[in-house]
Amino acid sequence: MKAVLKQYRQSPRKVRLVIDAIRGKNVERALAELKFIPKRTSEIVEKLIKSAVSNAETNFGKTKDNLFIKEIRVDEGVTLKRIMPMSKGRAFRINKRASHITLELGERQETRKQENKETTKQEKKNAMDKKAEKKSTKIIKKERVLKKK
């Protein structure tokens, strides 16, 4: 459940501003928050998340509801070195940076745990009801025996 974007032409420092806002969040919430972040990177990250979700659904049979952003990181890609001519024959270097964005999704187990808790509660309740029925039937039988005597 991974998606990788390599050689994205924006500096890692700028990309991390957006990435830090969504790290560890539910996929649906992250996508909703990205729509309101006024940065160029937000559209790219949104596309990357959708790609990872699609990979998870297609390849692993996971549902979008249980997925969250387990790991997302930005690494520095290749830096293009360019020269800007200046006055008096000088030249200054311009670094055009690139980023590698790696996204890994995880599946939350909370919904399953809650379902398990509910089923165990129901099982306990059913067991208690059965015990109560047994006791009540024993009492009724004893009363019948006492009435006969």
C-alpha atoms as a PDB file:
ATOM      1  CA  MET A   1       0.000   0.000   0.000  1.00  0.00           C
ATOM      2  CA  LYS A   2       2.602   2.430  -1.195  1.00  0.00           C
ATOM      3  CA  ALA A   3       2.872   5.214  -3.697  1.00  0.00           C
ATOM      4  CA  VAL A   4       6.043   7.053  -4.697  1.00  0.00           C
ATOM      5  CA  LEU A   5       6.540  10.259  -6.631  1.00  0.00           C
ATOM      6  CA  LYS A   6      10.066  10.905  -7.836  1.00  0.00           C
ATOM      7  CA  GLN A   7      11.667  14.035  -9.250  1.00  0.00           C
ATOM      8  CA  TYR A   8       8.860  16.413  -8.303  1.00  0.00           C
ATOM      9  CA  ARG A   9      10.241  19.834  -9.204  1.00  0.00           C
ATOM     10  CA  GLN A  10       9.733  21.713  -5.980  1.00  0.00           C
ATOM     11  CA  SER A  11      12.067  22.028  -3.057  1.00  0.00           C
ATOM     12  CA  PRO A  12      11.642  19.513  -0.233  1.00  0.00           C
ATOM     13  CA  ARG A  13      11.397  22.332   2.274  1.00  0.00           C
ATOM     14  CA  LYS A  14       8.242  23.665   0.609  1.00  0.00           C
ATOM     15  CA  VAL A  15       6.748  20.200   0.212  1.00  0.00           C
ATOM     16  CA  ARG A  16       7.262  19.364   3.892  1.00  0.00           C
ATOM     17  CA  LEU A  17       4.981  22.239   4.892  1.00  0.00           C
ATOM     18  CA  VAL A  18       2.056  20.420   3.309  1.00  0.00           C
ATOM     19  CA  ILE A  19       3.180  16.919   4.262  1.00  0.00           C
ATOM     20  CA  ASP A  20       3.422  17.747   7.975  1.00  0.00           C
ATOM     21  CA  ALA A  21      -0.208  18.897   7.991  1.00  0.00           C
ATOM     22  CA  ILE A  22      -1.562  15.474   7.001  1.00  0.00           C
ATOM     23  CA  ARG A  23       0.867  13.000   8.587  1.00  0.00           C
ATOM     24  CA  GLY A  24      -0.874  10.264  10.587  1.00  0.00           C
ATOM     25  CA  LYS A  25      -4.406  11.276   9.614  1.00  0.00           C
ATOM     26  CA  ASN A  26      -7.249   9.291   8.158  1.00  0.00           C
ATOM     27  CA  VAL A  27      -7.232   9.266   4.331  1.00  0.00           C
ATOM     28  CA  GLU A  28     -10.606  10.967   3.963  1.00  0.00           C
ATOM     29  CA  ARG A  29      -9.693  13.687   6.437  1.00  0.00           C
ATOM     30  CA  ALA A  30      -6.304  14.243   4.782  1.00  0.00           C
ATOM     31  CA  LEU A  31      -7.931  14.651   1.371  1.00  0.00           C
ATOM     32  CA  ALA A  32     -10.441  17.122   2.817  1.00  0.00           C
ATOM     33  CA  GLU A  33      -7.690  19.172   4.460  1.00  0.00           C
ATOM     34  CA  LEU A  34      -5.561  19.237   1.320  1.00  0.00           C
ATOM     35  CA  LYS A  35      -8.358  20.972  -0.580  1.00  0.00           C
ATOM     36  CA  PHE A  36      -8.035  23.969   1.725  1.00  0.00           C
ATOM     37  CA  ILE A  37      -4.250  24.274   1.815  1.00  0.00           C
ATOM     38  CA  PRO A  38      -3.237  27.074  -0.576  1.00  0.00           C
ATOM     39  CA  LYS A  39       0.014  25.513  -1.787  1.00  0.00           C
ATOM     40  CA  ARG A  40       0.945  24.044  -5.162  1.00  0.00           C
ATOM     41  CA  THR A  41       2.069  20.844  -3.501  1.00  0.00           C
ATOM     42  CA  SER A  42      -1.361  20.073  -2.066  1.00  0.00           C
ATOM     43  CA  GLU A  43      -2.748  19.029  -5.468  1.00  0.00           C
ATOM     44  CA  ILE A  44       0.190  16.716  -6.108  1.00  0.00           C
ATOM     45  CA  VAL A  45      -0.016  15.118  -2.664  1.00  0.00           C
ATOM     46  CA  GLU A  46      -3.774  14.663  -3.080  1.00  0.00           C
ATOM     47  CA  LYS A  47      -3.163  12.839  -6.346  1.00  0.00           C
ATOM     48  CA  LEU A  48      -0.503  10.688  -4.669  1.00  0.00           C
ATOM     49  CA  ILE A  49      -2.867   9.731  -1.825  1.00  0.00           C
ATOM     50  CA  LYS A  50      -5.594   8.786  -4.300  1.00  0.00           C
ATOM     51  CA  SER A  51      -3.080   6.635  -6.149  1.00  0.00           C
ATOM     52  CA  ALA A  52      -2.057   4.857  -2.928  1.00  0.00           C
ATOM     53  CA  VAL A  53      -5.711   4.276  -1.987  1.00  0.00           C
ATOM     54  CA  SER A  54      -6.377   2.861  -5.435  1.00  0.00           C
ATOM     55  CA  ASN A  55      -3.374   0.548  -5.051  1.00  0.00           C
ATOM     56  CA  ALA A  56      -4.662  -0.622  -1.672  1.00  0.00           C
ATOM     57  CA  GLU A  57      -8.165  -1.288  -2.972  1.00  0.00           C
ATOM     58  CA  THR A  58      -7.061  -3.008  -6.175  1.00  0.00           C
ATOM     59  CA  ASN A  59      -4.075  -5.039  -5.015  1.00  0.00           C
ATOM     60  CA  PHE A  60      -4.882  -5.743  -1.359  1.00  0.00           C
ATOM     61  CA  GLY A  61      -8.692  -5.524  -1.183  1.00  0.00           C
ATOM     62  CA  LYS A  62      -8.688  -2.846   1.545  1.00  0.00           C
ATOM     63  CA  THR A  63     -11.438  -0.282   2.033  1.00  0.00           C
ATOM     64  CA  LYS A  64     -10.858   3.452   2.037  1.00  0.00           C
ATOM     65  CA  ASP A  65     -12.623   3.873   5.395  1.00  0.00           C
ATOM     66  CA  ASN A  66      -9.977   2.000   7.417  1.00  0.00           C
ATOM     67  CA  LEU A  67      -6.884   3.494   5.759  1.00  0.00           C
ATOM     68  CA  PHE A  68      -4.663   6.123   7.321  1.00  0.00           C
ATOM     69  CA  ILE A  69      -1.343   7.723   6.414  1.00  0.00           C
ATOM     70  CA  LYS A  70       1.148   5.500   8.180  1.00  0.00           C
ATOM     71  CA  GLU A  71       4.288   7.091   6.783  1.00  0.00           C
ATOM     72  CA  ILE A  72       4.890   9.999   4.455  1.00  0.00           C
ATOM     73  CA  ARG A  73       8.278  11.484   3.853  1.00  0.00           C
ATOM     74  CA  VAL A  74      10.040  13.844   1.506  1.00  0.00           C
ATOM     75  CA  ASP A  75      13.591  13.225   0.420  1.00  0.00           C
ATOM     76  CA  GLU A  76      15.818  15.439  -1.650  1.00  0.00           C
ATOM     77  CA  GLY A  77      16.052  14.566  -5.337  1.00  0.00           C
ATOM     78  CA  VAL A  78      18.558  15.656  -7.956  1.00  0.00           C
ATOM     79  CA  THR A  79      19.459  19.338  -7.821  1.00  0.00           C
ATOM     80  CA  LEU A  80      19.768  21.067 -11.186  1.00  0.00           C
ATOM     81  CA  LYS A  81      22.548  23.647 -11.092  1.00  0.00           C
ATOM     82  CA  ARG A  82      21.960  26.703 -13.214  1.00  0.00           C
ATOM     83  CA  ILE A  83      23.793  30.004 -13.584  1.00  0.00           C
ATOM     84  CA  MET A  84      22.281  33.477 -13.492  1.00  0.00           C
ATOM     85  CA  PRO A  85      24.441  36.128 -15.198  1.00  0.00           C
ATOM     86  CA  MET A  86      25.006  39.282 -13.168  1.00  0.00           C
ATOM     87  CA  SER A  87      26.585  42.635 -13.781  1.00  0.00           C
ATOM     88  CA  LYS A  88      30.329  43.063 -14.323  1.00  0.00           C
ATOM     89  CA  GLY A  89      30.706  39.595 -15.746  1.00  0.00           C
ATOM     90  CA  ARG A  90      29.805  37.780 -12.582  1.00  0.00           C
ATOM     91  CA  ALA A  91      27.589  34.720 -12.346  1.00  0.00           C
ATOM     92  CA  PHE A  92      25.553  33.379  -9.468  1.00  0.00           C
ATOM     93  CA  ARG A  93      24.424  29.829  -9.086  1.00  0.00           C
ATOM     94  CA  ILE A  94      20.773  28.874  -8.900  1.00  0.00           C
ATOM     95  CA  ASN A  95      19.877  25.488  -7.428  1.00  0.00           C
ATOM     96  CA  LYS A  96      16.661  24.053  -8.842  1.00  0.00           C
ATOM     97  CA  ARG A  97      15.743  21.427  -6.315  1.00  0.00           C
ATOM     98  CA  ALA A  98      13.585  18.354  -6.737  1.00  0.00           C
ATOM     99  CA  SER A  99      11.803  16.111  -4.235  1.00  0.00           C
ATOM    100  CA  HIS A 100      11.000  12.440  -3.828  1.00  0.00           C
ATOM    101  CA  ILE A 101       7.722  11.875  -1.962  1.00  0.00           C
ATOM    102  CA  THR A 102       7.090   8.431  -0.441  1.00  0.00           C
ATOM    103  CA  LEU A 103       3.676   7.569   0.958  1.00  0.00           C
ATOM    104  CA  GLU A 104       2.706   4.423   2.847  1.00  0.00           C
ATOM    105  CA  LEU A 105      -0.805   3.681   4.033  1.00  0.00           C
ATOM    106  CA  GLY A 106      -1.782   1.554   7.001  1.00  0.00           C
ATOM    107  CA  GLU A 107      -5.039  -0.027   8.065  1.00  0.00           C
ATOM    108  CA  ARG A 108      -6.682   0.893  11.322  1.00  0.00           C
ATOM    109  CA  GLN A 109      -7.861  -2.016  13.431  1.00  0.00           C
ATOM    110  CA  GLU A 110     -10.079   0.073  15.739  1.00  0.00           C
ATOM    111  CA  THR A 111     -13.311  -0.708  13.936  1.00  0.00           C
ATOM    112  CA  ARG A 112     -12.630  -4.428  14.164  1.00  0.00           C
ATOM    113  CA  LYS A 113     -11.723  -4.123  17.847  1.00  0.00           C
ATOM    114  CA  GLN A 114     -14.951  -2.252  18.518  1.00  0.00           C
ATOM    115  CA  GLU A 115     -16.915  -4.922  16.673  1.00  0.00           C
ATOM    116  CA  ASN A 116     -15.132  -7.599  18.711  1.00  0.00           C
ATOM    117  CA  LYS A 117     -15.922  -5.751  21.939  1.00  0.00           C
ATOM    118  CA  GLU A 118     -19.577  -5.506  20.939  1.00  0.00           C
ATOM    119  CA  THR A 119     -19.762  -9.195  20.105  1.00  0.00           C
ATOM    120  CA  THR A 120     -18.101 -10.167  23.381  1.00  0.00           C
ATOM    121  CA  LYS A 121     -20.544  -7.961  25.266  1.00  0.00           C
ATOM    122  CA  GLN A 122     -23.423  -9.636  23.463  1.00  0.00           C
ATOM    123  CA  GLU A 123     -21.979 -13.080  24.164  1.00  0.00           C
ATOM    124  CA  LYS A 124     -21.609 -12.225  27.852  1.00  0.00           C
ATOM    125  CA  LYS A 125     -25.158 -10.927  27.945  1.00  0.00           C
ATOM    126  CA  ASN A 126     -26.451 -14.061  26.249  1.00  0.00           C
ATOM    127  CA  ALA A 127     -24.508 -16.228  28.708  1.00  0.00           C
ATOM    128  CA  MET A 128     -25.948 -14.277  31.639  1.00  0.00           C
ATOM    129  CA  ASP A 129     -29.446 -14.670  30.220  1.00  0.00           C
ATOM    130  CA  LYS A 130     -28.945 -18.414  29.858  1.00  0.00           C
ATOM    131  CA  LYS A 131     -27.728 -18.665  33.457  1.00  0.00           C
ATOM    132  CA  ALA A 132     -30.717 -16.670  34.638  1.00  0.00           C
ATOM    133  CA  GLU A 133     -33.074 -18.944  32.677  1.00  0.00           C
ATOM    134  CA  LYS A 134     -31.476 -22.042  34.185  1.00  0.00           C
ATOM    135  CA  LYS A 135     -31.825 -20.629  37.692  1.00  0.00           C
ATOM    136  CA  SER A 136     -35.418 -19.635  37.100  1.00  0.00           C
ATOM    137  CA  THR A 137     -36.277 -23.083  35.695  1.00  0.00           C
ATOM    138  CA  LYS A 138     -34.617 -24.735  38.740  1.00  0.00           C
ATOM    139  CA  ILE A 139     -36.623 -22.521  41.060  1.00  0.00           C
ATOM    140  CA  ILE A 140     -39.837 -23.304  39.218  1.00  0.00           C
ATOM    141  CA  LYS A 141     -39.100 -27.042  39.377  1.00  0.00           C
ATOM    142  CA  LYS A 142     -38.402 -26.808  43.116  1.00  0.00           C
ATOM    143  CA  GLU A 143     -41.662 -24.959  43.648  1.00  0.00           C
ATOM    144  CA  ARG A 144     -43.536 -27.648  41.746  1.00  0.00           C
ATOM    145  CA  VAL A 145     -41.907 -30.356  43.811  1.00  0.00           C
ATOM    146  CA  LEU A 146     -42.768 -28.510  47.032  1.00  0.00           C
ATOM    147  CA  LYS A 147     -46.386 -28.029  45.954  1.00  0.00           C
ATOM    148  CA  LYS A 148     -46.762 -31.735  45.204  1.00  0.00           C
ATOM    149  CA  LYS A 149     -45.591 -32.661  48.706  1.00  0.00           C
END
